[in-house]
């Protein structure tokens, strides 16, 4: 039995509220159970120096957690003068995941920065950030298309992410914090809407796992991503 009472293949409730902030070209508040992440997409008519003049666009991301997003207050990274290793790793993951669904030629020589701020954490924050980040990106690109600034849609496929793991010896979908903290195996699966894999992060957390178990987790991830993509499309319609 899962702590939440959910079935093994049952996700937490997902909601995506769009246009959550006034100024960003695209924004949403995504809630996956008790994990809440604010995602905004900002368009700039410039690109990083390493692709300047190439005609290619760029999508990047930044990620952070509010000090009281967790049970105990965390120190703001700004007060420490640098980002932590976990933060850097997650925001790089978000950026390269979102870029996998973008035609950078069609985007043109401009940059879209997706900011993901965790308001409340209960497991799966990076997955929620990627899933919500795509919605914010979709809304921002819609404005470019409406204005005629891009000739064809640069978003070729939705991108979403879900966690799966082995909890109490059973493969489960969409781990919340109580499960994540005790899971024998924990994995994050990032996929496109056409079920192409972008990245898989899996590790044993005190127990090894078999090829059959890994395949079962992949099956669960495909199921979860399919549901998330439907939620993304409904929110950004």
Protein backbone atom coordinates (compact mmCIF):
# COMPACT_ATOMS: atom_id res chain seq x y z
CA UNK A 1 0.00 0.00 0.00
CA UNK A 2 1.32 3.42 -0.96
CA UNK A 3 1.32 6.07 1.80
CA UNK A 4 -1.13 8.16 -0.25
CA UNK A 5 -3.43 5.23 -0.88
CA UNK A 6 -2.93 5.54 -4.65
CA UNK A 7 -2.80 2.54 -6.97
CA UNK A 8 0.65 1.52 -8.21
CA UNK A 9 0.02 3.15 -11.61
CA UNK A 10 -1.97 6.13 -10.33
CA UNK A 11 -0.58 9.64 -10.63
CA UNK A 12 -1.21 12.49 -8.25
CA UNK A 13 -3.82 15.04 -9.38
CA UNK A 14 -2.37 17.43 -11.98
CA UNK A 15 -3.57 20.96 -12.64
CA UNK A 16 -2.04 23.67 -14.85
CA UNK A 17 -3.20 27.27 -14.51
CA UNK A 18 -1.98 29.40 -17.40
CA UNK A 19 -1.29 33.16 -17.61
CA UNK A 20 -0.49 33.08 -13.90
CA UNK A 21 1.73 36.16 -14.03
CA UNK A 22 1.18 39.47 -15.81
CA UNK A 23 4.48 40.30 -17.49
CA UNK A 24 6.01 37.09 -18.82
CA UNK A 25 5.26 36.11 -22.42
CA UNK A 26 4.21 32.68 -21.13
CA UNK A 27 3.45 31.50 -17.62
CA UNK A 28 1.71 28.77 -15.66
CA UNK A 29 1.38 27.37 -12.19
CA UNK A 30 1.61 23.60 -12.30
CA UNK A 31 0.43 21.52 -9.36
CA UNK A 32 1.30 17.84 -9.16
CA UNK A 33 -0.24 16.81 -5.89
CA UNK A 34 1.38 18.97 -3.23
CA UNK A 35 4.29 19.98 -5.48
CA UNK A 36 3.64 23.44 -6.91
CA UNK A 37 5.94 25.11 -9.44
CA UNK A 38 5.62 28.53 -11.08
CA UNK A 39 6.98 28.50 -14.64
CA UNK A 40 7.54 31.62 -16.76
CA UNK A 41 8.96 32.00 -20.26
CA UNK A 42 10.69 35.23 -21.31
CA UNK A 43 11.63 36.11 -24.90
CA UNK A 44 14.76 38.10 -25.74
CA UNK A 45 15.98 39.17 -29.18
CA UNK A 46 19.49 37.93 -28.52
CA UNK A 47 21.31 34.63 -28.15
CA UNK A 48 24.39 33.50 -26.24
CA UNK A 49 27.70 34.47 -27.86
CA UNK A 50 28.54 30.90 -28.85
CA UNK A 51 25.65 30.76 -31.37
CA UNK A 52 25.50 34.42 -32.37
CA UNK A 53 25.22 34.79 -36.14
CA UNK A 54 24.25 31.14 -36.64
CA UNK A 55 20.56 31.82 -37.23
CA UNK A 56 19.70 29.35 -34.47
CA UNK A 57 17.53 30.11 -31.46
CA UNK A 58 18.19 29.04 -27.90
CA UNK A 59 16.05 27.81 -25.02
CA UNK A 60 17.54 27.80 -21.54
CA UNK A 61 16.20 27.44 -18.01
CA UNK A 62 16.76 28.54 -14.45
CA UNK A 63 15.46 26.72 -11.37
CA UNK A 64 15.13 27.57 -7.72
CA UNK A 65 13.23 26.72 -4.56
CA UNK A 66 11.69 29.23 -2.20
CA UNK A 67 13.20 29.07 1.29
CA UNK A 68 10.08 27.54 2.82
CA UNK A 69 9.11 25.25 -0.05
CA UNK A 70 10.08 22.34 2.22
CA UNK A 71 9.37 21.29 5.81
CA UNK A 72 12.23 23.37 7.16
CA UNK A 73 13.50 26.70 5.86
CA UNK A 74 16.37 26.57 3.39
CA UNK A 75 18.89 29.37 3.08
CA UNK A 76 18.51 31.39 -0.12
CA UNK A 77 21.30 30.52 -2.50
CA UNK A 78 21.77 34.21 -3.25
CA UNK A 79 22.90 34.76 0.34
CA UNK A 80 25.56 32.08 -0.13
CA UNK A 81 26.81 33.85 -3.26
CA UNK A 82 26.45 30.84 -5.55
CA UNK A 83 24.05 28.16 -6.69
CA UNK A 84 24.24 24.70 -5.22
CA UNK A 85 25.26 21.74 -7.32
CA UNK A 86 21.73 20.27 -7.26
CA UNK A 87 20.24 23.52 -8.58
CA UNK A 88 22.75 23.76 -11.42
CA UNK A 89 22.18 20.12 -12.38
CA UNK A 90 18.40 20.50 -12.42
CA UNK A 91 18.29 23.70 -14.45
CA UNK A 92 20.66 22.23 -17.03
CA UNK A 93 18.36 19.20 -17.24
CA UNK A 94 15.31 21.42 -17.75
CA UNK A 95 17.03 23.44 -20.48
CA UNK A 96 18.30 20.50 -22.53
CA UNK A 97 14.98 18.67 -22.11
CA UNK A 98 12.96 21.58 -23.47
CA UNK A 99 15.42 22.14 -26.34
CA UNK A 100 14.78 18.55 -27.47
CA UNK A 101 11.28 19.60 -28.52
CA UNK A 102 12.34 22.77 -30.35
CA UNK A 103 13.26 23.41 -33.98
CA UNK A 104 15.92 26.03 -33.31
CA UNK A 105 16.07 27.08 -36.96
CA UNK A 106 12.36 27.88 -36.96
CA UNK A 107 12.73 29.74 -33.65
CA UNK A 108 15.16 32.16 -35.24
CA UNK A 109 17.99 33.98 -33.54
CA UNK A 110 16.31 34.69 -30.22
CA UNK A 111 16.47 33.24 -26.71
CA UNK A 112 13.63 32.04 -24.50
CA UNK A 113 14.46 31.64 -20.83
CA UNK A 114 12.17 29.41 -18.79
CA UNK A 115 12.25 30.18 -15.06
CA UNK A 116 10.99 27.45 -12.74
CA UNK A 117 10.42 28.45 -9.13
CA UNK A 118 9.30 25.80 -6.66
CA UNK A 119 6.69 27.27 -4.32
CA UNK A 120 6.03 24.00 -2.50
CA UNK A 121 7.91 20.71 -2.75
CA UNK A 122 6.57 17.20 -2.19
CA UNK A 123 8.70 15.16 -4.58
CA UNK A 124 9.14 15.38 -8.34
CA UNK A 125 9.98 19.08 -8.54
CA UNK A 126 12.27 18.73 -11.57
CA UNK A 127 9.64 16.70 -13.42
CA UNK A 128 6.93 19.25 -12.65
CA UNK A 129 9.27 22.04 -13.74
CA UNK A 130 9.92 20.40 -17.12
CA UNK A 131 6.24 19.66 -17.68
CA UNK A 132 5.10 23.14 -16.67
CA UNK A 133 8.07 24.72 -18.40
CA UNK A 134 6.90 23.35 -21.73
CA UNK A 135 3.47 24.93 -21.24
CA UNK A 136 5.04 28.32 -20.49
CA UNK A 137 7.26 27.89 -23.57
CA UNK A 138 4.24 26.95 -25.69
CA UNK A 139 2.37 30.08 -24.63
CA UNK A 140 5.37 32.31 -25.34
CA UNK A 141 5.85 30.80 -28.80
CA UNK A 142 2.14 31.24 -29.51
CA UNK A 143 2.66 34.99 -29.06
CA UNK A 144 5.60 34.96 -31.46
CA UNK A 145 3.47 33.17 -34.04
CA UNK A 146 0.51 35.49 -33.55
CA UNK A 147 2.77 38.50 -34.08
CA UNK A 148 4.24 36.94 -37.21
CA UNK A 149 7.73 36.87 -35.75
CA UNK A 150 8.20 33.19 -36.64
CA UNK A 151 7.07 31.66 -39.94
CA UNK A 152 6.46 28.10 -38.70
CA UNK A 153 5.86 26.54 -35.30
CA UNK A 154 9.26 25.88 -33.68
CA UNK A 155 7.79 23.52 -31.09
CA UNK A 156 7.88 20.14 -32.81
CA UNK A 157 6.78 17.93 -29.90
CA UNK A 158 5.60 18.40 -26.31
CA UNK A 159 8.09 17.54 -23.58
CA UNK A 160 7.04 16.16 -20.20
CA UNK A 161 8.64 14.31 -17.30
CA UNK A 162 7.55 11.89 -14.60
CA UNK A 163 9.20 10.02 -11.76
CA UNK A 164 8.88 6.29 -11.21
CA UNK A 165 10.50 4.01 -8.69
CA UNK A 166 10.41 0.83 -6.70
CA UNK A 167 8.73 1.38 -3.37
CA UNK A 168 8.21 -1.47 -0.90
CA UNK A 169 9.29 -3.85 -3.66
CA UNK A 170 6.68 -2.62 -6.15
CA UNK A 171 7.14 -0.45 -9.28
CA UNK A 172 5.14 2.75 -8.75
CA UNK A 173 4.30 5.83 -10.82
CA UNK A 174 4.82 9.44 -9.73
CA UNK A 175 6.62 9.31 -6.39
CA UNK A 176 5.70 11.83 -3.73
CA UNK A 177 8.19 12.76 -1.01
CA UNK A 178 7.37 9.95 1.48
CA UNK A 179 7.91 7.41 -1.31
CA UNK A 180 10.89 9.18 -2.84
CA UNK A 181 12.70 9.30 0.49
CA UNK A 182 12.30 5.55 1.03
CA UNK A 183 12.34 4.16 -2.52
CA UNK A 184 14.77 1.35 -3.26
CA UNK A 185 15.05 2.62 -6.84
CA UNK A 186 14.29 6.13 -8.05
CA UNK A 187 14.06 7.33 -11.63
CA UNK A 188 13.14 10.42 -13.63
CA UNK A 189 11.93 9.92 -17.19
CA UNK A 190 11.81 12.77 -19.71
CA UNK A 191 10.00 12.07 -22.98
CA UNK A 192 8.39 13.75 -25.94
CA UNK A 193 4.72 13.51 -26.74
CA UNK A 194 5.58 10.90 -29.38
CA UNK A 195 7.18 8.80 -26.61
CA UNK A 196 10.75 9.42 -27.67
CA UNK A 197 13.14 9.35 -24.73
CA UNK A 198 15.10 12.51 -23.96
CA UNK A 199 16.75 11.49 -20.72
CA UNK A 200 16.46 8.80 -18.07
CA UNK A 201 17.95 9.25 -14.61
CA UNK A 202 17.77 6.01 -12.63
CA UNK A 203 19.69 4.91 -9.59
CA UNK A 204 19.49 2.27 -6.90
CA UNK A 205 18.98 3.78 -3.47
CA UNK A 206 19.97 0.78 -1.37
CA UNK A 207 18.57 -1.99 -3.56
CA UNK A 208 19.52 -3.17 -7.02
CA UNK A 209 16.97 -3.64 -9.80
CA UNK A 210 16.51 -6.04 -12.70
CA UNK A 211 16.10 -5.42 -16.42
CA UNK A 212 12.47 -6.52 -16.10
CA UNK A 213 11.87 -3.97 -13.33
CA UNK A 214 13.48 -1.25 -15.43
CA UNK A 215 11.20 -2.14 -18.34
CA UNK A 216 8.18 -1.97 -16.03
CA UNK A 217 9.23 1.49 -14.85
CA UNK A 218 9.60 2.60 -18.48
CA UNK A 219 6.08 1.34 -19.20
CA UNK A 220 4.74 3.29 -16.21
CA UNK A 221 6.65 6.39 -17.34
CA UNK A 222 5.14 6.20 -20.82
CA UNK A 223 1.69 5.97 -19.27
CA UNK A 224 2.34 8.94 -17.01
CA UNK A 225 3.88 11.12 -19.72
CA UNK A 226 0.90 10.44 -21.99
CA UNK A 227 -1.42 11.78 -19.29
CA UNK A 228 0.80 14.82 -18.72
CA UNK A 229 0.90 15.65 -22.43
CA UNK A 230 -2.88 15.62 -22.53
CA UNK A 231 -2.92 18.03 -19.58
CA UNK A 232 -0.35 20.26 -21.32
CA UNK A 233 -2.34 20.39 -24.54
CA UNK A 234 -5.57 21.18 -22.70
CA UNK A 235 -3.90 23.97 -20.71
CA UNK A 236 -2.20 25.57 -23.72
CA UNK A 237 -5.14 25.25 -26.12
